[in-house]
Amino acid sequence: MPGLRAVLLHIETAFRHLQRGQETQDETAFTDAIYRSNQAFEGSIKEAYRVLAGKDPDRMRPFDIEGYLEKNNVFRTRILSLFTNYRTEWRNPSTHDYKLDFDESEAFLAIVSVAAFACLLLDQIAEHLAFLAAKQEAEINKPLLEQQLPKKTEPLVDRLTQALLAFAQQHQPVSSSTTAQMESQLVGAISGFLASVTPEYQVRSEEKLVSGRPERADLVIQDKEDRVVVELKRARWSRATYHNALAQLEHYLLLSNTPGGILYFASEAPTEYEVDQHEVPNNHGRIVILRPKREAQPFVAGHAPPTGGAPLN
């Protein structure tokens, strides 16, 4: 946390330099904003190295840290793009040419770029920490959890449904009472739980469903024979949220030619869930909907009625 707070302070200070340059017409303030943005950039990669690589960055040169992160494919695609862009457009020129001055537009773009990089990187860091915490949590109860899971002869979507019900009943969110759990933390927690109780599954987050298209699934989980697309929603269940999310997941299944999907409405605390079914006739697929019982609402005509979704014993 101290390192992440320092990154935030550098970004806020860079913005104040930008404001100073705009208000006083002091051109040097824009270059000062770039230098502060550079410090936010270097602080971000150090914290990424600390958490994602599990190594101490304090005695490492930024150049060596950057080389490690690139060589080992630590960053996700979108983060790597922002990382490369900022380093090429602002950090390297300002570091290697001391006579270089930047204008207002360049300072603004640098601040926006480093803020976007830091925010997406924070998501990846939060996901990784949640993964480690949930995996450790599941390891404690692993023998009991394994007994609750169905036989491997059942369809993957049904096995995952039971696994997610078990996860929902025992998972304690890492967020505080005043801060909602981020989606990245939920993704990491589910991935960590599955890595413990079902290590035979391949679990991938932010998976591109089709090459060359922008659609990404929250989670894609597969075994040797099948795969399932999981869409997570932290919003409170409502008719509008339900139908929008269902249409989104249907689109994902059709686009990727995947027959199985799970729509998971997450609760902020362990609770009992209801299980509903929705058929996808265009690809002979099926979507399982998980939602907290306390948020249950009646379904409209034309959709499968609630099945009860009794919790695991």
C-alpha atoms as a PDB file:
ATOM      1  CA  MET A   1       0.000   0.000   0.000  1.00  0.00           C
ATOM      2  CA  PRO A   2       2.740   2.602   0.703  1.00  0.00           C
ATOM      3  CA  GLY A   3       4.084   2.141  -2.817  1.00  0.00           C
ATOM      4  CA  LEU A   4       0.645   2.426  -4.409  1.00  0.00           C
ATOM      5  CA  ARG A   5      -0.126   5.554  -2.376  1.00  0.00           C
ATOM      6  CA  ALA A   6       3.147   7.058  -3.626  1.00  0.00           C
ATOM      7  CA  VAL A   7       2.107   6.354  -7.219  1.00  0.00           C
ATOM      8  CA  LEU A   8      -1.206   8.118  -6.631  1.00  0.00           C
ATOM      9  CA  LEU A   9       0.562  11.113  -5.064  1.00  0.00           C
ATOM     10  CA  HIS A  10       2.860  11.449  -8.084  1.00  0.00           C
ATOM     11  CA  ILE A  11      -0.133  11.447 -10.459  1.00  0.00           C
ATOM     12  CA  GLU A  12      -1.974  14.055  -8.357  1.00  0.00           C
ATOM     13  CA  THR A  13       1.164  16.228  -8.221  1.00  0.00           C
ATOM     14  CA  ALA A  14       1.602  15.925 -11.998  1.00  0.00           C
ATOM     15  CA  PHE A  15      -1.933  17.211 -12.430  1.00  0.00           C
ATOM     16  CA  ARG A  16      -1.216  20.160 -10.135  1.00  0.00           C
ATOM     17  CA  HIS A  17       1.819  21.024 -12.280  1.00  0.00           C
ATOM     18  CA  LEU A  18      -0.432  20.919 -15.341  1.00  0.00           C
ATOM     19  CA  GLN A  19      -2.900  23.284 -13.645  1.00  0.00           C
ATOM     20  CA  ARG A  20      -0.083  25.597 -12.640  1.00  0.00           C
ATOM     21  CA  GLY A  21       1.137  25.788 -16.208  1.00  0.00           C
ATOM     22  CA  GLN A  22      -2.371  26.528 -17.487  1.00  0.00           C
ATOM     23  CA  GLU A  23      -3.088  29.203 -14.875  1.00  0.00           C
ATOM     24  CA  THR A  24       0.270  31.015 -14.824  1.00  0.00           C
ATOM     25  CA  GLN A  25       1.382  30.336 -18.413  1.00  0.00           C
ATOM     26  CA  ASP A  26       4.570  28.836 -17.019  1.00  0.00           C
ATOM     27  CA  GLU A  27       5.742  26.485 -19.760  1.00  0.00           C
ATOM     28  CA  THR A  28       8.228  24.715 -17.473  1.00  0.00           C
ATOM     29  CA  ALA A  29       5.340  23.378 -15.381  1.00  0.00           C
ATOM     30  CA  PHE A  30       4.357  21.064 -18.237  1.00  0.00           C
ATOM     31  CA  THR A  31       7.797  19.470 -18.257  1.00  0.00           C
ATOM     32  CA  ASP A  32       7.560  19.148 -14.462  1.00  0.00           C
ATOM     33  CA  ALA A  33       4.285  17.276 -14.980  1.00  0.00           C
ATOM     34  CA  ILE A  34       6.064  14.820 -17.276  1.00  0.00           C
ATOM     35  CA  TYR A  35       8.768  14.143 -14.691  1.00  0.00           C
ATOM     36  CA  ARG A  36       6.155  13.461 -12.007  1.00  0.00           C
ATOM     37  CA  SER A  37       4.302  11.170 -14.412  1.00  0.00           C
ATOM     38  CA  ASN A  38       7.583   9.320 -14.974  1.00  0.00           C
ATOM     39  CA  GLN A  39       7.889   8.734 -11.231  1.00  0.00           C
ATOM     40  CA  ALA A  40       4.348   7.357 -11.159  1.00  0.00           C
ATOM     41  CA  PHE A  41       5.263   5.069 -14.059  1.00  0.00           C
ATOM     42  CA  GLU A  42       8.400   3.750 -12.383  1.00  0.00           C
ATOM     43  CA  GLY A  43       6.589   3.326  -9.069  1.00  0.00           C
ATOM     44  CA  SER A  44       3.879   1.323 -10.835  1.00  0.00           C
ATOM     45  CA  ILE A  45       6.301  -1.119 -12.404  1.00  0.00           C
ATOM     46  CA  LYS A  46       8.119  -1.556  -9.082  1.00  0.00           C
ATOM     47  CA  GLU A  47       4.873  -2.502  -7.326  1.00  0.00           C
ATOM     48  CA  ALA A  48       4.004  -4.825 -10.201  1.00  0.00           C
ATOM     49  CA  TYR A  49       7.394  -6.493  -9.807  1.00  0.00           C
ATOM     50  CA  ARG A  50       6.878  -6.784  -6.037  1.00  0.00           C
ATOM     51  CA  VAL A  51       3.465  -8.487  -6.314  1.00  0.00           C
ATOM     52  CA  LEU A  52       3.278 -10.197  -9.713  1.00  0.00           C
ATOM     53  CA  ALA A  53       6.868 -11.443  -9.721  1.00  0.00           C
ATOM     54  CA  GLY A  54       7.080 -11.868  -5.948  1.00  0.00           C
ATOM     55  CA  LYS A  55      10.463 -10.132  -5.808  1.00  0.00           C
ATOM     56  CA  ASP A  56      11.844  -7.127  -3.934  1.00  0.00           C
ATOM     57  CA  PRO A  57      12.310  -4.152  -6.322  1.00  0.00           C
ATOM     58  CA  ASP A  58      14.178  -1.867  -3.904  1.00  0.00           C
ATOM     59  CA  ARG A  59      17.664  -2.724  -5.136  1.00  0.00           C
ATOM     60  CA  MET A  60      16.714  -3.245  -8.784  1.00  0.00           C
ATOM     61  CA  ARG A  61      17.216  -0.713 -11.552  1.00  0.00           C
ATOM     62  CA  PRO A  62      14.008   0.300 -13.360  1.00  0.00           C
ATOM     63  CA  PHE A  63      15.624  -0.835 -16.625  1.00  0.00           C
ATOM     64  CA  ASP A  64      16.159  -4.346 -15.235  1.00  0.00           C
ATOM     65  CA  ILE A  65      12.629  -4.504 -13.808  1.00  0.00           C
ATOM     66  CA  GLU A  66      11.142  -3.477 -17.149  1.00  0.00           C
ATOM     67  CA  GLY A  67      13.224  -6.110 -18.928  1.00  0.00           C
ATOM     68  CA  TYR A  68      12.038  -8.808 -16.533  1.00  0.00           C
ATOM     69  CA  LEU A  69       8.357  -7.840 -16.870  1.00  0.00           C
ATOM     70  CA  GLU A  70       8.583  -7.839 -20.676  1.00  0.00           C
ATOM     71  CA  LYS A  71      10.621 -11.015 -21.024  1.00  0.00           C
ATOM     72  CA  ASN A  72       8.375 -13.032 -18.730  1.00  0.00           C
ATOM     73  CA  ASN A  73       5.061 -11.767 -20.183  1.00  0.00           C
ATOM     74  CA  VAL A  74       3.884 -10.578 -16.787  1.00  0.00           C
ATOM     75  CA  PHE A  75       1.546  -7.883 -18.134  1.00  0.00           C
ATOM     76  CA  ARG A  76      -1.753  -8.567 -19.845  1.00  0.00           C
ATOM     77  CA  THR A  77      -2.115  -7.398 -23.441  1.00  0.00           C
ATOM     78  CA  ARG A  78      -3.853  -4.092 -22.730  1.00  0.00           C
ATOM     79  CA  ILE A  79      -1.461  -3.230 -19.903  1.00  0.00           C
ATOM     80  CA  LEU A  80       1.554  -4.114 -22.040  1.00  0.00           C
ATOM     81  CA  SER A  81       0.279  -1.770 -24.758  1.00  0.00           C
ATOM     82  CA  LEU A  82      -0.007   1.127 -22.280  1.00  0.00           C
ATOM     83  CA  PHE A  83       3.380   0.236 -20.778  1.00  0.00           C
ATOM     84  CA  THR A  84       5.106   0.297 -24.178  1.00  0.00           C
ATOM     85  CA  ASN A  85       3.343   3.482 -25.285  1.00  0.00           C
ATOM     86  CA  TYR A  86       4.225   5.495 -22.177  1.00  0.00           C
ATOM     87  CA  ARG A  87       7.823   4.376 -22.153  1.00  0.00           C
ATOM     88  CA  THR A  88       8.241   5.213 -25.862  1.00  0.00           C
ATOM     89  CA  GLU A  89       6.368   8.508 -25.968  1.00  0.00           C
ATOM     90  CA  TRP A  90       7.309  10.171 -22.654  1.00  0.00           C
ATOM     91  CA  ARG A  91       9.601   8.329 -20.266  1.00  0.00           C
ATOM     92  CA  ASN A  92      12.460   7.550 -22.644  1.00  0.00           C
ATOM     93  CA  PRO A  93      12.541  10.966 -24.414  1.00  0.00           C
ATOM     94  CA  SER A  94      12.424  12.906 -21.125  1.00  0.00           C
ATOM     95  CA  THR A  95      15.084  10.700 -19.543  1.00  0.00           C
ATOM     96  CA  HIS A  96      17.611  10.753 -22.370  1.00  0.00           C
ATOM     97  CA  ASP A  97      17.301  14.362 -23.590  1.00  0.00           C
ATOM     98  CA  TYR A  98      17.707  16.894 -20.777  1.00  0.00           C
ATOM     99  CA  LYS A  99      17.119  19.798 -23.210  1.00  0.00           C
ATOM    100  CA  LEU A 100      13.676  18.558 -24.177  1.00  0.00           C
ATOM    101  CA  ASP A 101      10.627  20.642 -23.177  1.00  0.00           C
ATOM    102  CA  PHE A 102       7.012  19.494 -23.304  1.00  0.00           C
ATOM    103  CA  ASP A 103       3.878  21.483 -24.018  1.00  0.00           C
ATOM    104  CA  GLU A 104       0.451  21.442 -22.391  1.00  0.00           C
ATOM    105  CA  SER A 105      -1.035  18.775 -24.681  1.00  0.00           C
ATOM    106  CA  GLU A 106       1.892  16.426 -24.132  1.00  0.00           C
ATOM    107  CA  ALA A 107       1.682  16.869 -20.361  1.00  0.00           C
ATOM    108  CA  PHE A 108      -2.056  16.163 -20.410  1.00  0.00           C
ATOM    109  CA  LEU A 109      -1.624  13.026 -22.540  1.00  0.00           C
ATOM    110  CA  ALA A 110       1.202  11.785 -20.322  1.00  0.00           C
ATOM    111  CA  ILE A 111      -0.930  12.125 -17.173  1.00  0.00           C
ATOM    112  CA  VAL A 112      -3.898  10.374 -18.791  1.00  0.00           C
ATOM    113  CA  SER A 113      -1.656   7.592 -20.109  1.00  0.00           C
ATOM    114  CA  VAL A 114       0.144   6.895 -16.840  1.00  0.00           C
ATOM    115  CA  ALA A 115      -3.130   7.044 -14.886  1.00  0.00           C
ATOM    116  CA  ALA A 116      -4.719   4.478 -17.234  1.00  0.00           C
ATOM    117  CA  PHE A 117      -1.624   2.282 -16.963  1.00  0.00           C
ATOM    118  CA  ALA A 118      -1.592   2.488 -13.154  1.00  0.00           C
ATOM    119  CA  CYS A 119      -5.330   1.754 -12.843  1.00  0.00           C
ATOM    120  CA  LEU A 120      -5.279  -1.323 -15.087  1.00  0.00           C
ATOM    121  CA  LEU A 121      -2.120  -2.530 -13.397  1.00  0.00           C
ATOM    122  CA  LEU A 122      -3.798  -2.103 -10.012  1.00  0.00           C
ATOM    123  CA  ASP A 123      -6.607  -4.367 -11.228  1.00  0.00           C
ATOM    124  CA  GLN A 124      -4.093  -7.060 -12.158  1.00  0.00           C
ATOM    125  CA  ILE A 125      -2.317  -6.701  -8.809  1.00  0.00           C
ATOM    126  CA  ALA A 126      -5.631  -6.904  -6.911  1.00  0.00           C
ATOM    127  CA  GLU A 127      -6.648  -9.980  -8.898  1.00  0.00           C
ATOM    128  CA  HIS A 128      -3.355 -11.727  -8.145  1.00  0.00           C
ATOM    129  CA  LEU A 129      -3.556 -10.988  -4.408  1.00  0.00           C
ATOM    130  CA  ALA A 130      -7.153 -12.223  -4.299  1.00  0.00           C
ATOM    131  CA  PHE A 131      -6.055 -15.374  -6.153  1.00  0.00           C
ATOM    132  CA  LEU A 132      -3.399 -16.136  -3.538  1.00  0.00           C
ATOM    133  CA  ALA A 133      -5.741 -15.431  -0.614  1.00  0.00           C
ATOM    134  CA  ALA A 134      -8.611 -17.551  -1.997  1.00  0.00           C
ATOM    135  CA  LYS A 135      -6.314 -20.436  -2.882  1.00  0.00           C
ATOM    136  CA  GLN A 136      -4.911 -20.458   0.644  1.00  0.00           C
ATOM    137  CA  GLU A 137      -8.439 -20.231   2.067  1.00  0.00           C
ATOM    138  CA  ALA A 138      -9.599 -23.187  -0.042  1.00  0.00           C
ATOM    139  CA  GLU A 139      -6.579 -25.323   0.839  1.00  0.00           C
ATOM    140  CA  ILE A 140      -7.670 -25.290   4.484  1.00  0.00           C
ATOM    141  CA  ASN A 141     -11.063 -26.848   3.634  1.00  0.00           C
ATOM    142  CA  LYS A 142      -9.958 -28.772   0.543  1.00  0.00           C
ATOM    143  CA  PRO A 143     -10.881 -32.333   1.677  1.00  0.00           C
ATOM    144  CA  LEU A 144     -14.449 -31.273   2.566  1.00  0.00           C
ATOM    145  CA  LEU A 145     -14.835 -29.166  -0.583  1.00  0.00           C
ATOM    146  CA  GLU A 146     -13.701 -32.020  -2.833  1.00  0.00           C
ATOM    147  CA  GLN A 147     -16.383 -34.276  -1.326  1.00  0.00           C
ATOM    148  CA  GLN A 148     -19.061 -31.726  -2.255  1.00  0.00           C
ATOM    149  CA  LEU A 149     -18.142 -31.565  -5.931  1.00  0.00           C
ATOM    150  CA  PRO A 150     -19.993 -33.788  -8.441  1.00  0.00           C
ATOM    151  CA  LYS A 151     -18.488 -36.639 -10.435  1.00  0.00           C
ATOM    152  CA  LYS A 152     -16.319 -35.766 -13.413  1.00  0.00           C
ATOM    153  CA  THR A 153     -18.762 -37.560 -15.733  1.00  0.00           C
ATOM    154  CA  GLU A 154     -21.239 -34.670 -15.449  1.00  0.00           C
ATOM    155  CA  PRO A 155     -21.119 -31.800 -17.996  1.00  0.00           C
ATOM    156  CA  LEU A 156     -18.493 -29.185 -17.216  1.00  0.00           C
ATOM    157  CA  VAL A 157     -21.091 -26.419 -16.803  1.00  0.00           C
ATOM    158  CA  ASP A 158     -22.807 -28.441 -14.039  1.00  0.00           C
ATOM    159  CA  ARG A 159     -19.539 -29.254 -12.279  1.00  0.00           C
ATOM    160  CA  LEU A 160     -18.568 -25.591 -12.346  1.00  0.00           C
ATOM    161  CA  THR A 161     -21.988 -24.585 -11.044  1.00  0.00           C
ATOM    162  CA  GLN A 162     -21.478 -26.773  -7.978  1.00  0.00           C
ATOM    163  CA  ALA A 163     -17.920 -25.456  -7.553  1.00  0.00           C
ATOM    164  CA  LEU A 164     -19.139 -21.843  -7.659  1.00  0.00           C
ATOM    165  CA  LEU A 165     -21.885 -22.616  -5.135  1.00  0.00           C
ATOM    166  CA  ALA A 166     -19.244 -24.034  -2.823  1.00  0.00           C
ATOM    167  CA  PHE A 167     -17.091 -20.963  -3.420  1.00  0.00           C
ATOM    168  CA  ALA A 168     -19.988 -18.604  -2.667  1.00  0.00           C
ATOM    169  CA  GLN A 169     -20.739 -20.306   0.642  1.00  0.00           C
ATOM    170  CA  GLN A 170     -17.231 -20.157   2.065  1.00  0.00           C
ATOM    171  CA  HIS A 171     -15.511 -17.167   0.426  1.00  0.00           C
ATOM    172  CA  GLN A 172     -14.847 -14.079   2.537  1.00  0.00           C
ATOM    173  CA  PRO A 173     -14.322 -11.021   0.277  1.00  0.00           C
ATOM    174  CA  VAL A 174     -11.042  -9.204   0.860  1.00  0.00           C
ATOM    175  CA  SER A 175     -12.707  -5.785   0.588  1.00  0.00           C
ATOM    176  CA  SER A 176     -13.568  -3.761   3.663  1.00  0.00           C
ATOM    177  CA  SER A 177     -17.058  -2.851   4.816  1.00  0.00           C
ATOM    178  CA  THR A 178     -16.689   0.581   3.237  1.00  0.00           C
ATOM    179  CA  THR A 179     -15.200  -0.493  -0.091  1.00  0.00           C
ATOM    180  CA  ALA A 180     -16.957  -2.764  -2.556  1.00  0.00           C
ATOM    181  CA  GLN A 181     -15.037  -5.733  -3.872  1.00  0.00           C
ATOM    182  CA  MET A 182     -13.605  -4.998  -7.306  1.00  0.00           C
ATOM    183  CA  GLU A 183     -14.472  -7.324 -10.151  1.00  0.00           C
ATOM    184  CA  SER A 184     -10.769  -8.095 -10.554  1.00  0.00           C
ATOM    185  CA  GLN A 185     -10.696  -9.310  -6.949  1.00  0.00           C
ATOM    186  CA  LEU A 186     -13.699 -11.557  -7.563  1.00  0.00           C
ATOM    187  CA  VAL A 187     -12.084 -12.962 -10.714  1.00  0.00           C
ATOM    188  CA  GLY A 188      -8.882 -13.634  -8.791  1.00  0.00           C
ATOM    189  CA  ALA A 189     -10.718 -15.229  -5.869  1.00  0.00           C
ATOM    190  CA  ILE A 190     -12.658 -17.625  -8.109  1.00  0.00           C
ATOM    191  CA  SER A 191      -9.486 -18.508 -10.022  1.00  0.00           C
ATOM    192  CA  GLY A 192      -7.616 -19.179  -6.782  1.00  0.00           C
ATOM    193  CA  PHE A 193     -10.450 -21.312  -5.401  1.00  0.00           C
ATOM    194  CA  LEU A 194     -10.604 -23.419  -8.567  1.00  0.00           C
ATOM    195  CA  ALA A 195      -6.812 -23.743  -8.663  1.00  0.00           C
ATOM    196  CA  SER A 196      -7.054 -25.424  -5.267  1.00  0.00           C
ATOM    197  CA  VAL A 197     -10.123 -27.672  -5.534  1.00  0.00           C
ATOM    198  CA  THR A 198     -10.131 -28.362  -9.305  1.00  0.00           C
ATOM    199  CA  PRO A 199      -6.506 -28.006 -10.455  1.00  0.00           C
ATOM    200  CA  GLU A 200      -7.267 -30.000 -13.609  1.00  0.00           C
ATOM    201  CA  TYR A 201      -9.188 -27.049 -15.084  1.00  0.00           C
ATOM    202  CA  GLN A 202      -7.570 -24.320 -17.154  1.00  0.00           C
ATOM    203  CA  VAL A 203      -8.829 -20.951 -15.913  1.00  0.00           C
ATOM    204  CA  ARG A 204      -8.162 -17.784 -17.928  1.00  0.00           C
ATOM    205  CA  SER A 205      -9.382 -14.254 -17.224  1.00  0.00           C
ATOM    206  CA  GLU A 206     -10.000 -11.448 -19.721  1.00  0.00           C
ATOM    207  CA  GLU A 207      -9.886 -14.025 -22.496  1.00  0.00           C
ATOM    208  CA  LYS A 208     -10.479 -12.771 -26.039  1.00  0.00           C
ATOM    209  CA  LEU A 209     -13.284 -14.886 -27.409  1.00  0.00           C
ATOM    210  CA  VAL A 210     -12.399 -14.479 -31.080  1.00  0.00           C
ATOM    211  CA  SER A 211      -9.127 -13.251 -32.516  1.00  0.00           C
ATOM    212  CA  GLY A 212      -9.468  -9.796 -34.064  1.00  0.00           C
ATOM    213  CA  ARG A 213     -12.604  -8.897 -32.093  1.00  0.00           C
ATOM    214  CA  PRO A 214     -12.822  -6.821 -28.886  1.00  0.00           C
ATOM    215  CA  GLU A 215     -15.117  -9.085 -26.812  1.00  0.00           C
ATOM    216  CA  ARG A 216     -13.462 -10.511 -23.698  1.00  0.00           C
ATOM    217  CA  ALA A 217     -14.913 -12.956 -21.205  1.00  0.00           C
ATOM    218  CA  ASP A 218     -14.487 -12.469 -17.472  1.00  0.00           C
ATOM    219  CA  LEU A 219     -13.459 -16.117 -17.204  1.00  0.00           C
ATOM    220  CA  VAL A 220     -13.035 -18.983 -19.634  1.00  0.00           C
ATOM    221  CA  ILE A 221     -12.734 -22.363 -17.910  1.00  0.00           C
ATOM    222  CA  GLN A 222     -12.032 -25.598 -19.724  1.00  0.00           C
ATOM    223  CA  ASP A 223     -11.015 -29.197 -19.285  1.00  0.00           C
ATOM    224  CA  LYS A 224      -9.904 -31.697 -21.921  1.00  0.00           C
ATOM    225  CA  GLU A 225     -13.345 -32.031 -23.522  1.00  0.00           C
ATOM    226  CA  ASP A 226     -15.283 -28.809 -22.985  1.00  0.00           C
ATOM    227  CA  ARG A 227     -15.173 -25.163 -21.990  1.00  0.00           C
ATOM    228  CA  VAL A 228     -17.492 -22.714 -20.233  1.00  0.00           C
ATOM    229  CA  VAL A 229     -17.715 -18.918 -20.404  1.00  0.00           C
ATOM    230  CA  VAL A 230     -18.393 -17.255 -17.027  1.00  0.00           C
ATOM    231  CA  GLU A 231     -19.765 -13.720 -16.794  1.00  0.00           C
ATOM    232  CA  LEU A 232     -19.605 -12.029 -13.387  1.00  0.00           C
ATOM    233  CA  LYS A 233     -21.952  -9.297 -12.169  1.00  0.00           C
ATOM    234  CA  ARG A 234     -21.557  -7.429  -8.903  1.00  0.00           C
ATOM    235  CA  ALA A 235     -24.644  -5.271  -9.436  1.00  0.00           C
ATOM    236  CA  ARG A 236     -27.722  -6.058  -7.361  1.00  0.00           C
ATOM    237  CA  TRP A 237     -30.068  -8.382  -9.229  1.00  0.00           C
ATOM    238  CA  SER A 238     -32.886  -6.700 -11.146  1.00  0.00           C
ATOM    239  CA  ARG A 239     -34.919  -7.466 -14.257  1.00  0.00           C
ATOM    240  CA  ALA A 240     -32.938  -4.998 -16.359  1.00  0.00           C
ATOM    241  CA  THR A 241     -29.562  -6.192 -15.090  1.00  0.00           C
ATOM    242  CA  TYR A 242     -30.584  -9.813 -15.562  1.00  0.00           C
ATOM    243  CA  HIS A 243     -31.790  -9.457 -19.157  1.00  0.00           C
ATOM    244  CA  ASN A 244     -28.856  -7.279 -20.236  1.00  0.00           C
ATOM    245  CA  ALA A 245     -26.345  -9.698 -18.733  1.00  0.00           C
ATOM    246  CA  LEU A 246     -28.122 -12.695 -20.214  1.00  0.00           C
ATOM    247  CA  ALA A 247     -28.115 -11.135 -23.689  1.00  0.00           C
ATOM    248  CA  GLN A 248     -24.410 -10.345 -23.304  1.00  0.00           C
ATOM    249  CA  LEU A 249     -23.521 -13.904 -22.319  1.00  0.00           C
ATOM    250  CA  GLU A 250     -25.708 -15.364 -25.097  1.00  0.00           C
ATOM    251  CA  HIS A 251     -23.772 -13.194 -27.559  1.00  0.00           C
ATOM    252  CA  TYR A 252     -20.465 -14.454 -26.147  1.00  0.00           C
ATOM    253  CA  LEU A 253     -21.535 -18.096 -26.468  1.00  0.00           C
ATOM    254  CA  LEU A 254     -22.717 -17.695 -30.038  1.00  0.00           C
ATOM    255  CA  LEU A 255     -19.644 -15.702 -31.023  1.00  0.00           C
ATOM    256  CA  SER A 256     -17.224 -18.250 -29.611  1.00  0.00           C
ATOM    257  CA  ASN A 257     -19.315 -21.333 -30.474  1.00  0.00           C
ATOM    258  CA  THR A 258     -19.343 -22.339 -26.817  1.00  0.00           C
ATOM    259  CA  PRO A 259     -22.385 -24.316 -25.580  1.00  0.00           C
ATOM    260  CA  GLY A 260     -22.013 -23.687 -21.841  1.00  0.00           C
ATOM    261  CA  GLY A 261     -22.174 -20.448 -19.866  1.00  0.00           C
ATOM    262  CA  ILE A 262     -22.592 -19.338 -16.269  1.00  0.00           C
ATOM    263  CA  LEU A 263     -24.001 -15.963 -15.231  1.00  0.00           C
ATOM    264  CA  TYR A 264     -22.920 -15.313 -11.657  1.00  0.00           C
ATOM    265  CA  PHE A 265     -24.455 -12.481  -9.616  1.00  0.00           C
ATOM    266  CA  ALA A 266     -21.964 -12.114  -6.781  1.00  0.00           C
ATOM    267  CA  SER A 267     -22.820 -11.263  -3.202  1.00  0.00           C
ATOM    268  CA  GLU A 268     -20.563  -9.266  -0.890  1.00  0.00           C
ATOM    269  CA  ALA A 269     -20.848 -11.963   1.804  1.00  0.00           C
ATOM    270  CA  PRO A 270     -21.238 -15.753   1.949  1.00  0.00           C
ATOM    271  CA  THR A 271     -24.867 -16.592   1.246  1.00  0.00           C
ATOM    272  CA  GLU A 272     -27.198 -19.192  -0.259  1.00  0.00           C
ATOM    273  CA  TYR A 273     -27.801 -19.052  -3.995  1.00  0.00           C
ATOM    274  CA  GLU A 274     -30.641 -19.895  -6.333  1.00  0.00           C
ATOM    275  CA  VAL A 275     -29.912 -21.711  -9.591  1.00  0.00           C
ATOM    276  CA  ASP A 276     -31.847 -20.980 -12.797  1.00  0.00           C
ATOM    277  CA  GLN A 277     -31.489 -22.318 -16.325  1.00  0.00           C
ATOM    278  CA  HIS A 278     -31.735 -20.584 -19.692  1.00  0.00           C
ATOM    279  CA  GLU A 279     -31.580 -22.428 -23.009  1.00  0.00           C
ATOM    280  CA  VAL A 280     -29.653 -20.965 -25.956  1.00  0.00           C
ATOM    281  CA  PRO A 281     -31.440 -22.526 -28.956  1.00  0.00           C
ATOM    282  CA  ASN A 282     -29.188 -21.040 -31.651  1.00  0.00           C
ATOM    283  CA  ASN A 283     -26.227 -23.185 -30.582  1.00  0.00           C
ATOM    284  CA  HIS A 284     -28.050 -25.815 -28.496  1.00  0.00           C
ATOM    285  CA  GLY A 285     -26.352 -24.342 -25.466  1.00  0.00           C
ATOM    286  CA  ARG A 286     -27.319 -23.659 -21.890  1.00  0.00           C
ATOM    287  CA  ILE A 287     -26.702 -20.848 -19.422  1.00  0.00           C
ATOM    288  CA  VAL A 288     -26.831 -21.394 -15.683  1.00  0.00           C
ATOM    289  CA  ILE A 289     -27.745 -18.322 -13.612  1.00  0.00           C
ATOM    290  CA  LEU A 290     -26.547 -18.053 -10.006  1.00  0.00           C
ATOM    291  CA  ARG A 291     -28.018 -15.330  -7.812  1.00  0.00           C
ATOM    292  CA  PRO A 292     -28.286 -14.748  -4.055  1.00  0.00           C
ATOM    293  CA  LYS A 293     -31.596 -15.878  -2.600  1.00  0.00           C
ATOM    294  CA  ARG A 294     -32.131 -12.614  -0.766  1.00  0.00           C
ATOM    295  CA  GLU A 295     -32.033 -10.814  -4.125  1.00  0.00           C
ATOM    296  CA  ALA A 296     -34.466 -13.183  -5.838  1.00  0.00           C
ATOM    297  CA  GLN A 297     -37.062 -11.637  -8.123  1.00  0.00           C
ATOM    298  CA  PRO A 298     -39.802 -13.286 -10.208  1.00  0.00           C
ATOM    299  CA  PHE A 299     -38.862 -14.156 -13.772  1.00  0.00           C
ATOM    300  CA  VAL A 300     -40.868 -13.007 -16.785  1.00  0.00           C
ATOM    301  CA  ALA A 301     -42.829 -15.393 -18.936  1.00  0.00           C
ATOM    302  CA  GLY A 302     -40.789 -17.280 -21.497  1.00  0.00           C
ATOM    303  CA  HIS A 303     -37.845 -18.007 -19.229  1.00  0.00           C
ATOM    304  CA  ALA A 304     -37.278 -21.089 -17.124  1.00  0.00           C
ATOM    305  CA  PRO A 305     -38.678 -20.717 -13.583  1.00  0.00           C
ATOM    306  CA  PRO A 306     -36.352 -20.895 -10.566  1.00  0.00           C
ATOM    307  CA  THR A 307     -35.294 -24.433  -9.662  1.00  0.00           C
ATOM    308  CA  GLY A 308     -34.603 -23.761  -6.005  1.00  0.00           C
ATOM    309  CA  GLY A 309     -30.831 -24.104  -6.108  1.00  0.00           C
ATOM    310  CA  ALA A 310     -30.437 -25.773  -2.720  1.00  0.00           C
ATOM    311  CA  PRO A 311     -27.052 -25.106  -1.174  1.00  0.00           C
ATOM    312  CA  LEU A 312     -24.451 -27.830  -0.856  1.00  0.00           C
ATOM    313  CA  ASN A 313     -24.530 -29.796   2.367  1.00  0.00           C
END
